[in-house]
Every structure is written in C-alpha cells, then in structure tokens.
Amino acid sequence: MWPRIGGLRTLDLGTPGELRANLNALVLAGVKQATAGLLSEYEREGEELEQVGERLALVDDDDGLVAVVEVTGVEVVRFADVSWDFARSEGEGDRSIEEWRAGHRAYWARTGTPVDDDTTVVCVRFRLVSAGDGGLTTGDLGT
C-alpha cells in the first residue's frame, strides 16, 4: 500500500531527486495537471485506482507534504491510446504525442518496467487544491 498523510494517499511523481523536484515545481506552478502510471504498479502495491474527487498528498523525496491535489479524471488506456490532450496536460514540455511516448518509454525502461503499445496506463488528471501557507503549514488537508 502507498503511504498516507492525514488520511490521504500520497502522490510521488517521478523518481527521487531532481526529476521529482522539477515535477513538483510544475504542479505548484499550475503547469502540470496530470500524471500517468502503470496499472501493473497499482496491482503490485494492492492499490485501487484514484477516484474523481479524491484528494492526494503530493510529496517530496522524504515523503514531506508539498501540496494537496484533487483528482478530476481517471482513464485506463493502452499506452498507444494515450491522447495528445492528456500528454499536454502533464505539462512536461513534450511537443508531440510521439515525444511524450518516447520519453515515457525511456522513463519506465530506466525504472525496470519496459512498456509496449499494449501496456495498460492509468491517466490521472488533477487540480492543485492547496500549497504553501494556504493549508499545508496549518495541517489543513481538506482546503
């Protein structure tokens, strides 16, 4: 199971270090409004898919609370069927769906889970709910 903070499941983007810090910064700037994961990761961890309206605790490398996001959409699709609209909402600067696919193939290969066109991907859209003094320092996760 994934860790919890204040009853919320955590969302840890990318791998620890510079990548996670950059992705978290994109969320805080309102640029990154989606993330993709592999269905096999959920199955391996015994986790259910996110639900629309669910709030997640965005965390840093030390599982420290960075922000709270609210899930606005969840779609399960084949890797080859991830839409350009979704890929753009990840906010990572990809200029085409082909570039997004190449980058994600390389990322998952580096993490030990190569993907092909038929790999099942969970596409999660979210909105930033609170960050910084707007609720995190007070411990108010429901803002």
N, C-alpha and C. Protein backbone atom coordinates (compact mmCIF):
# COMPACT_ATOMS: atom_id res chain seq x y z
N MET A 1 0.84 -1.19 0.00
CA MET A 1 0.00 0.00 0.00
C MET A 1 0.88 1.25 0.00
N TRP A 2 0.34 2.28 -0.61
CA TRP A 2 1.07 3.54 -0.64
C TRP A 2 0.93 4.25 0.70
N PRO A 3 1.93 5.03 1.07
CA PRO A 3 1.85 5.78 2.34
C PRO A 3 0.66 6.74 2.36
N ARG A 4 0.26 7.13 3.56
CA ARG A 4 -0.83 8.08 3.75
C ARG A 4 -0.32 9.25 4.58
N ILE A 5 -0.88 10.42 4.31
CA ILE A 5 -0.63 11.61 5.13
C ILE A 5 -2.00 12.19 5.45
N GLY A 6 -2.32 12.28 6.73
CA GLY A 6 -3.60 12.84 7.13
C GLY A 6 -4.77 12.10 6.50
N GLY A 7 -4.61 10.80 6.27
CA GLY A 7 -5.66 10.01 5.66
C GLY A 7 -5.68 10.04 4.14
N LEU A 8 -4.85 10.90 3.53
CA LEU A 8 -4.80 10.99 2.07
C LEU A 8 -3.70 10.07 1.53
N ARG A 9 -3.98 9.42 0.40
CA ARG A 9 -2.92 8.67 -0.27
C ARG A 9 -1.90 9.66 -0.79
N THR A 10 -0.65 9.22 -0.84
CA THR A 10 0.40 10.10 -1.35
C THR A 10 0.55 9.95 -2.85
N LEU A 11 1.05 11.01 -3.45
CA LEU A 11 1.38 11.05 -4.87
C LEU A 11 2.83 11.46 -4.95
N ASP A 12 3.69 10.52 -5.35
CA ASP A 12 5.11 10.83 -5.53
C ASP A 12 5.43 10.75 -7.01
N LEU A 13 5.71 11.88 -7.59
CA LEU A 13 5.92 11.98 -9.03
C LEU A 13 7.36 11.65 -9.40
N GLY A 14 7.52 10.91 -10.48
CA GLY A 14 8.86 10.61 -10.98
C GLY A 14 9.69 9.83 -9.99
N THR A 15 10.99 9.94 -10.16
CA THR A 15 11.93 9.28 -9.24
C THR A 15 12.53 10.34 -8.32
N PRO A 16 12.99 9.92 -7.13
CA PRO A 16 13.56 10.89 -6.19
C PRO A 16 14.71 11.69 -6.81
N GLY A 17 14.86 12.90 -6.31
CA GLY A 17 15.94 13.76 -6.78
C GLY A 17 15.42 14.88 -7.65
N GLU A 18 16.25 15.24 -8.61
CA GLU A 18 15.96 16.39 -9.47
C GLU A 18 14.64 16.23 -10.23
N LEU A 19 14.37 15.03 -10.74
CA LEU A 19 13.15 14.83 -11.50
C LEU A 19 11.92 15.12 -10.65
N ARG A 20 11.85 14.53 -9.45
CA ARG A 20 10.70 14.76 -8.59
C ARG A 20 10.57 16.23 -8.21
N ALA A 21 11.67 16.87 -7.90
CA ALA A 21 11.63 18.30 -7.53
C ALA A 21 11.09 19.12 -8.70
N ASN A 22 11.53 18.82 -9.91
CA ASN A 22 11.06 19.56 -11.08
C ASN A 22 9.57 19.33 -11.33
N LEU A 23 9.13 18.07 -11.23
CA LEU A 23 7.71 17.77 -11.44
C LEU A 23 6.84 18.43 -10.38
N ASN A 24 7.29 18.39 -9.13
CA ASN A 24 6.53 19.06 -8.06
C ASN A 24 6.44 20.56 -8.32
N ALA A 25 7.53 21.15 -8.79
CA ALA A 25 7.51 22.59 -9.10
C ALA A 25 6.51 22.90 -10.21
N LEU A 26 6.40 22.01 -11.19
CA LEU A 26 5.41 22.21 -12.26
C LEU A 26 3.98 22.13 -11.73
N VAL A 27 3.74 21.24 -10.78
CA VAL A 27 2.41 21.17 -10.15
C VAL A 27 2.13 22.47 -9.40
N LEU A 28 3.08 22.92 -8.60
CA LEU A 28 2.89 24.14 -7.81
C LEU A 28 2.68 25.37 -8.69
N ALA A 29 3.26 25.35 -9.89
CA ALA A 29 3.11 26.46 -10.82
C ALA A 29 1.81 26.36 -11.62
N GLY A 30 1.08 25.26 -11.45
CA GLY A 30 -0.17 25.07 -12.17
C GLY A 30 0.01 24.57 -13.59
N VAL A 31 1.24 24.19 -13.96
CA VAL A 31 1.53 23.74 -15.31
C VAL A 31 1.22 22.25 -15.46
N LYS A 32 1.61 21.47 -14.48
CA LYS A 32 1.39 20.01 -14.51
C LYS A 32 0.05 19.72 -13.85
N GLN A 33 -0.87 19.17 -14.64
CA GLN A 33 -2.21 18.88 -14.14
C GLN A 33 -2.61 17.44 -14.40
N ALA A 34 -1.62 16.58 -14.61
CA ALA A 34 -1.90 15.17 -14.86
C ALA A 34 -0.63 14.35 -14.67
N THR A 35 -0.84 13.06 -14.48
CA THR A 35 0.28 12.12 -14.40
C THR A 35 -0.17 10.76 -14.90
N ALA A 36 0.78 10.01 -15.41
CA ALA A 36 0.49 8.68 -15.92
C ALA A 36 1.23 7.64 -15.09
N GLY A 37 0.55 6.55 -14.80
CA GLY A 37 1.16 5.44 -14.09
C GLY A 37 0.81 4.14 -14.78
N LEU A 38 1.47 3.09 -14.38
CA LEU A 38 1.20 1.78 -14.97
C LEU A 38 0.22 1.01 -14.10
N LEU A 39 -0.77 0.41 -14.72
CA LEU A 39 -1.75 -0.38 -13.97
C LEU A 39 -1.05 -1.47 -13.18
N SER A 40 0.02 -2.02 -13.72
CA SER A 40 0.76 -3.08 -13.02
C SER A 40 1.32 -2.59 -11.68
N GLU A 41 1.65 -1.28 -11.57
CA GLU A 41 2.14 -0.73 -10.29
C GLU A 41 1.04 -0.76 -9.24
N TYR A 42 -0.18 -0.42 -9.64
CA TYR A 42 -1.31 -0.46 -8.71
C TYR A 42 -1.53 -1.89 -8.24
N GLU A 43 -1.50 -2.83 -9.18
CA GLU A 43 -1.74 -4.23 -8.85
C GLU A 43 -0.66 -4.76 -7.92
N ARG A 44 0.59 -4.43 -8.20
CA ARG A 44 1.72 -4.89 -7.38
C ARG A 44 1.62 -4.34 -5.95
N GLU A 45 1.14 -3.10 -5.82
CA GLU A 45 1.05 -2.47 -4.50
C GLU A 45 -0.29 -2.72 -3.81
N GLY A 46 -1.21 -3.39 -4.50
CA GLY A 46 -2.53 -3.64 -3.90
C GLY A 46 -3.33 -2.37 -3.71
N GLU A 47 -3.16 -1.41 -4.62
CA GLU A 47 -3.86 -0.12 -4.53
C GLU A 47 -5.01 -0.06 -5.52
N GLU A 48 -6.07 0.61 -5.11
CA GLU A 48 -7.19 0.89 -6.01
C GLU A 48 -6.83 2.11 -6.85
N LEU A 49 -7.49 2.24 -7.99
CA LEU A 49 -7.29 3.45 -8.81
C LEU A 49 -7.85 4.65 -8.07
N GLU A 50 -7.31 5.82 -8.39
CA GLU A 50 -7.83 7.06 -7.84
C GLU A 50 -9.27 7.25 -8.32
N GLN A 51 -10.04 8.00 -7.54
CA GLN A 51 -11.43 8.30 -7.89
C GLN A 51 -11.58 9.81 -8.08
N VAL A 52 -12.43 10.21 -9.01
CA VAL A 52 -12.70 11.64 -9.19
C VAL A 52 -13.19 12.20 -7.86
N GLY A 53 -12.61 13.34 -7.47
CA GLY A 53 -12.94 13.98 -6.21
C GLY A 53 -12.01 13.59 -5.07
N GLU A 54 -11.24 12.52 -5.23
CA GLU A 54 -10.30 12.11 -4.20
C GLU A 54 -9.17 13.13 -4.10
N ARG A 55 -8.73 13.38 -2.90
CA ARG A 55 -7.58 14.27 -2.68
C ARG A 55 -6.36 13.44 -2.38
N LEU A 56 -5.23 13.89 -2.92
CA LEU A 56 -3.95 13.20 -2.77
C LEU A 56 -2.94 14.17 -2.19
N ALA A 57 -2.03 13.64 -1.38
CA ALA A 57 -0.96 14.43 -0.79
C ALA A 57 0.28 14.31 -1.69
N LEU A 58 0.63 15.38 -2.37
CA LEU A 58 1.83 15.42 -3.19
C LEU A 58 3.03 15.50 -2.25
N VAL A 59 4.01 14.60 -2.44
CA VAL A 59 5.13 14.54 -1.50
C VAL A 59 6.47 14.74 -2.19
N ASP A 60 7.47 15.08 -1.36
CA ASP A 60 8.84 15.24 -1.83
C ASP A 60 9.60 13.93 -1.59
N ASP A 61 10.91 13.98 -1.74
CA ASP A 61 11.75 12.78 -1.59
C ASP A 61 11.68 12.17 -0.21
N ASP A 62 11.39 12.98 0.80
CA ASP A 62 11.34 12.50 2.18
C ASP A 62 9.91 12.23 2.65
N ASP A 63 8.99 12.10 1.69
CA ASP A 63 7.56 11.93 1.98
C ASP A 63 6.99 13.11 2.76
N GLY A 64 7.61 14.27 2.60
CA GLY A 64 7.09 15.50 3.20
C GLY A 64 6.01 16.08 2.31
N LEU A 65 5.00 16.64 2.91
CA LEU A 65 3.86 17.19 2.18
C LEU A 65 4.26 18.46 1.43
N VAL A 66 4.01 18.46 0.13
CA VAL A 66 4.32 19.60 -0.75
C VAL A 66 3.03 20.35 -1.10
N ALA A 67 1.97 19.59 -1.37
CA ALA A 67 0.70 20.18 -1.79
C ALA A 67 -0.39 19.13 -1.68
N VAL A 68 -1.62 19.59 -1.84
CA VAL A 68 -2.76 18.69 -1.95
C VAL A 68 -3.38 18.93 -3.32
N VAL A 69 -3.65 17.83 -4.03
CA VAL A 69 -4.31 17.90 -5.33
C VAL A 69 -5.60 17.10 -5.26
N GLU A 70 -6.54 17.47 -6.13
CA GLU A 70 -7.81 16.75 -6.21
C GLU A 70 -7.92 16.12 -7.59
N VAL A 71 -8.27 14.85 -7.61
CA VAL A 71 -8.41 14.11 -8.87
C VAL A 71 -9.64 14.60 -9.62
N THR A 72 -9.44 14.97 -10.89
CA THR A 72 -10.55 15.45 -11.72
C THR A 72 -10.90 14.49 -12.84
N GLY A 73 -10.07 13.47 -13.06
CA GLY A 73 -10.36 12.50 -14.09
C GLY A 73 -9.42 11.31 -14.00
N VAL A 74 -9.93 10.14 -14.33
CA VAL A 74 -9.12 8.92 -14.36
C VAL A 74 -9.54 8.12 -15.59
N GLU A 75 -8.56 7.73 -16.38
CA GLU A 75 -8.84 6.94 -17.57
C GLU A 75 -7.78 5.84 -17.66
N VAL A 76 -8.22 4.63 -17.97
CA VAL A 76 -7.31 3.50 -18.14
C VAL A 76 -7.29 3.15 -19.62
N VAL A 77 -6.11 3.24 -20.22
CA VAL A 77 -5.98 3.03 -21.67
C VAL A 77 -4.69 2.28 -21.99
N ARG A 78 -4.63 1.76 -23.19
CA ARG A 78 -3.38 1.19 -23.70
C ARG A 78 -2.38 2.34 -23.88
N PHE A 79 -1.11 2.04 -23.71
CA PHE A 79 -0.07 3.06 -23.90
C PHE A 79 -0.22 3.74 -25.25
N ALA A 80 -0.49 2.97 -26.30
CA ALA A 80 -0.62 3.52 -27.65
C ALA A 80 -1.84 4.42 -27.80
N ASP A 81 -2.79 4.34 -26.86
CA ASP A 81 -4.02 5.12 -26.95
C ASP A 81 -4.06 6.35 -26.05
N VAL A 82 -2.95 6.63 -25.36
CA VAL A 82 -2.89 7.86 -24.55
C VAL A 82 -3.02 9.04 -25.52
N SER A 83 -3.92 9.95 -25.21
CA SER A 83 -4.20 11.07 -26.12
C SER A 83 -3.18 12.20 -25.98
N TRP A 84 -3.06 12.96 -27.05
CA TRP A 84 -2.20 14.15 -27.02
C TRP A 84 -2.74 15.16 -26.02
N ASP A 85 -4.05 15.27 -25.90
CA ASP A 85 -4.64 16.17 -24.92
C ASP A 85 -4.17 15.82 -23.51
N PHE A 86 -4.18 14.53 -23.18
CA PHE A 86 -3.70 14.11 -21.86
C PHE A 86 -2.20 14.40 -21.73
N ALA A 87 -1.42 14.00 -22.72
CA ALA A 87 0.03 14.19 -22.65
C ALA A 87 0.39 15.65 -22.42
N ARG A 88 -0.30 16.57 -23.12
CA ARG A 88 -0.05 18.01 -22.92
C ARG A 88 -0.36 18.42 -21.49
N SER A 89 -1.41 17.84 -20.89
CA SER A 89 -1.80 18.24 -19.54
C SER A 89 -0.79 17.79 -18.49
N GLU A 90 0.12 16.89 -18.88
CA GLU A 90 1.19 16.52 -17.95
C GLU A 90 2.17 17.68 -17.77
N GLY A 91 2.19 18.61 -18.72
CA GLY A 91 2.94 19.84 -18.55
C GLY A 91 4.45 19.70 -18.53
N GLU A 92 4.97 18.66 -19.14
CA GLU A 92 6.41 18.41 -19.08
C GLU A 92 7.17 18.88 -20.31
N GLY A 93 6.49 19.63 -21.18
CA GLY A 93 7.17 20.25 -22.31
C GLY A 93 7.25 19.42 -23.57
N ASP A 94 6.58 18.27 -23.61
CA ASP A 94 6.60 17.48 -24.83
C ASP A 94 5.91 18.25 -25.95
N ARG A 95 6.47 18.15 -27.17
CA ARG A 95 5.94 18.90 -28.30
C ARG A 95 5.05 18.06 -29.21
N SER A 96 4.94 16.76 -28.91
CA SER A 96 4.08 15.88 -29.71
C SER A 96 3.80 14.63 -28.90
N ILE A 97 2.78 13.88 -29.32
CA ILE A 97 2.48 12.63 -28.64
C ILE A 97 3.62 11.63 -28.83
N GLU A 98 4.30 11.69 -29.96
CA GLU A 98 5.44 10.81 -30.20
C GLU A 98 6.56 11.10 -29.20
N GLU A 99 6.81 12.39 -28.96
CA GLU A 99 7.85 12.77 -27.99
C GLU A 99 7.45 12.31 -26.59
N TRP A 100 6.17 12.48 -26.24
CA TRP A 100 5.68 12.02 -24.93
C TRP A 100 5.89 10.51 -24.80
N ARG A 101 5.51 9.76 -25.83
CA ARG A 101 5.64 8.30 -25.77
C ARG A 101 7.11 7.89 -25.64
N ALA A 102 7.98 8.51 -26.40
CA ALA A 102 9.41 8.17 -26.32
C ALA A 102 9.96 8.46 -24.93
N GLY A 103 9.61 9.60 -24.38
CA GLY A 103 10.08 9.96 -23.04
C GLY A 103 9.56 9.02 -21.97
N HIS A 104 8.30 8.65 -22.06
CA HIS A 104 7.72 7.74 -21.06
C HIS A 104 8.23 6.32 -21.24
N ARG A 105 8.43 5.88 -22.47
CA ARG A 105 9.05 4.56 -22.69
C ARG A 105 10.43 4.52 -22.02
N ALA A 106 11.22 5.56 -22.24
CA ALA A 106 12.57 5.62 -21.68
C ALA A 106 12.52 5.67 -20.15
N TYR A 107 11.60 6.46 -19.59
CA TYR A 107 11.48 6.57 -18.13
C TYR A 107 11.15 5.20 -17.53
N TRP A 108 10.11 4.56 -18.06
CA TRP A 108 9.71 3.27 -17.47
C TRP A 108 10.76 2.20 -17.69
N ALA A 109 11.48 2.24 -18.79
CA ALA A 109 12.58 1.29 -19.01
C ALA A 109 13.67 1.50 -17.96
N ARG A 110 14.00 2.77 -17.66
CA ARG A 110 15.01 3.07 -16.63
C ARG A 110 14.57 2.57 -15.25
N THR A 111 13.28 2.57 -14.99
CA THR A 111 12.79 2.13 -13.68
C THR A 111 12.55 0.62 -13.63
N GLY A 112 12.88 -0.08 -14.73
CA GLY A 112 12.79 -1.53 -14.73
C GLY A 112 11.49 -2.12 -15.24
N THR A 113 10.63 -1.28 -15.84
CA THR A 113 9.36 -1.77 -16.38
C THR A 113 9.18 -1.28 -17.80
N PRO A 114 9.83 -1.96 -18.75
CA PRO A 114 9.64 -1.55 -20.14
C PRO A 114 8.18 -1.66 -20.55
N VAL A 115 7.73 -0.76 -21.42
CA VAL A 115 6.34 -0.77 -21.87
C VAL A 115 6.29 -0.97 -23.38
N ASP A 116 5.15 -1.49 -23.84
CA ASP A 116 4.91 -1.58 -25.27
C ASP A 116 3.54 -0.95 -25.53
N ASP A 117 3.11 -0.98 -26.77
CA ASP A 117 1.85 -0.32 -27.12
C ASP A 117 0.65 -0.84 -26.34
N ASP A 118 0.71 -2.10 -25.91
CA ASP A 118 -0.43 -2.71 -25.22
C ASP A 118 -0.37 -2.60 -23.69
N THR A 119 0.69 -2.01 -23.15
CA THR A 119 0.79 -1.84 -21.71
C THR A 119 -0.34 -0.92 -21.23
N THR A 120 -0.98 -1.31 -20.13
CA THR A 120 -2.11 -0.54 -19.61
C THR A 120 -1.61 0.61 -18.74
N VAL A 121 -2.05 1.82 -19.09
CA VAL A 121 -1.63 3.05 -18.42
C VAL A 121 -2.84 3.68 -17.72
N VAL A 122 -2.60 4.18 -16.51
CA VAL A 122 -3.63 4.91 -15.76
C VAL A 122 -3.32 6.39 -15.93
N CYS A 123 -4.23 7.12 -16.55
CA CYS A 123 -4.06 8.55 -16.80
C CYS A 123 -4.89 9.30 -15.77
N VAL A 124 -4.22 10.02 -14.89
CA VAL A 124 -4.88 10.73 -13.79
C VAL A 124 -4.73 12.23 -14.00
N ARG A 125 -5.86 12.92 -14.05
CA ARG A 125 -5.87 14.39 -14.12
C ARG A 125 -6.19 14.92 -12.73
N PHE A 126 -5.62 16.08 -12.40
CA PHE A 126 -5.84 16.66 -11.07
C PHE A 126 -5.76 18.17 -11.13
N ARG A 127 -6.21 18.78 -10.04
CA ARG A 127 -6.06 20.24 -9.88
C ARG A 127 -5.42 20.49 -8.54
N LEU A 128 -4.63 21.55 -8.47
CA LEU A 128 -3.98 21.94 -7.23
C LEU A 128 -5.02 22.52 -6.29
N VAL A 129 -5.07 21.99 -5.05
CA VAL A 129 -6.03 22.46 -4.05
C VAL A 129 -5.37 23.41 -3.06
N SER A 130 -4.22 23.02 -2.54
CA SER A 130 -3.53 23.88 -1.57
C SER A 130 -2.04 23.64 -1.63
N ALA A 131 -1.31 24.69 -1.32
CA ALA A 131 0.15 24.62 -1.28
C ALA A 131 0.66 25.75 -0.41
N GLY A 132 1.84 25.57 0.12
CA GLY A 132 2.45 26.61 0.95
C GLY A 132 1.59 26.99 2.12
N ASP A 133 1.49 28.26 2.41
CA ASP A 133 0.75 28.72 3.59
C ASP A 133 -0.76 28.53 3.48
N GLY A 134 -1.23 28.14 2.30
CA GLY A 134 -2.66 28.01 2.10
C GLY A 134 -3.28 26.77 2.72
N GLY A 135 -2.60 26.08 3.57
CA GLY A 135 -3.20 24.92 4.19
C GLY A 135 -2.16 23.92 4.66
N LEU A 136 -0.97 23.94 4.08
CA LEU A 136 0.00 22.93 4.44
C LEU A 136 0.64 23.21 5.79
N THR A 137 0.98 24.42 6.05
CA THR A 137 1.64 24.71 7.32
C THR A 137 0.65 24.62 8.48
N THR A 138 -0.62 24.73 8.20
CA THR A 138 -1.61 24.61 9.26
C THR A 138 -2.09 23.17 9.42
N GLY A 139 -1.68 22.31 8.49
CA GLY A 139 -2.09 20.92 8.55
C GLY A 139 -3.50 20.70 8.02
N ASP A 140 -4.09 21.67 7.38
CA ASP A 140 -5.44 21.54 6.86
C ASP A 140 -5.39 20.91 5.48
N LEU A 141 -5.64 19.61 5.42
CA LEU A 141 -5.55 18.90 4.16
C LEU A 141 -6.85 18.95 3.38
N GLY A 142 -7.88 19.49 3.97
CA GLY A 142 -9.17 19.50 3.30
C GLY A 142 -9.51 20.81 2.62
N THR A 143 -8.57 21.74 2.57
CA THR A 143 -8.84 23.04 1.98
C THR A 143 -9.33 22.92 0.57
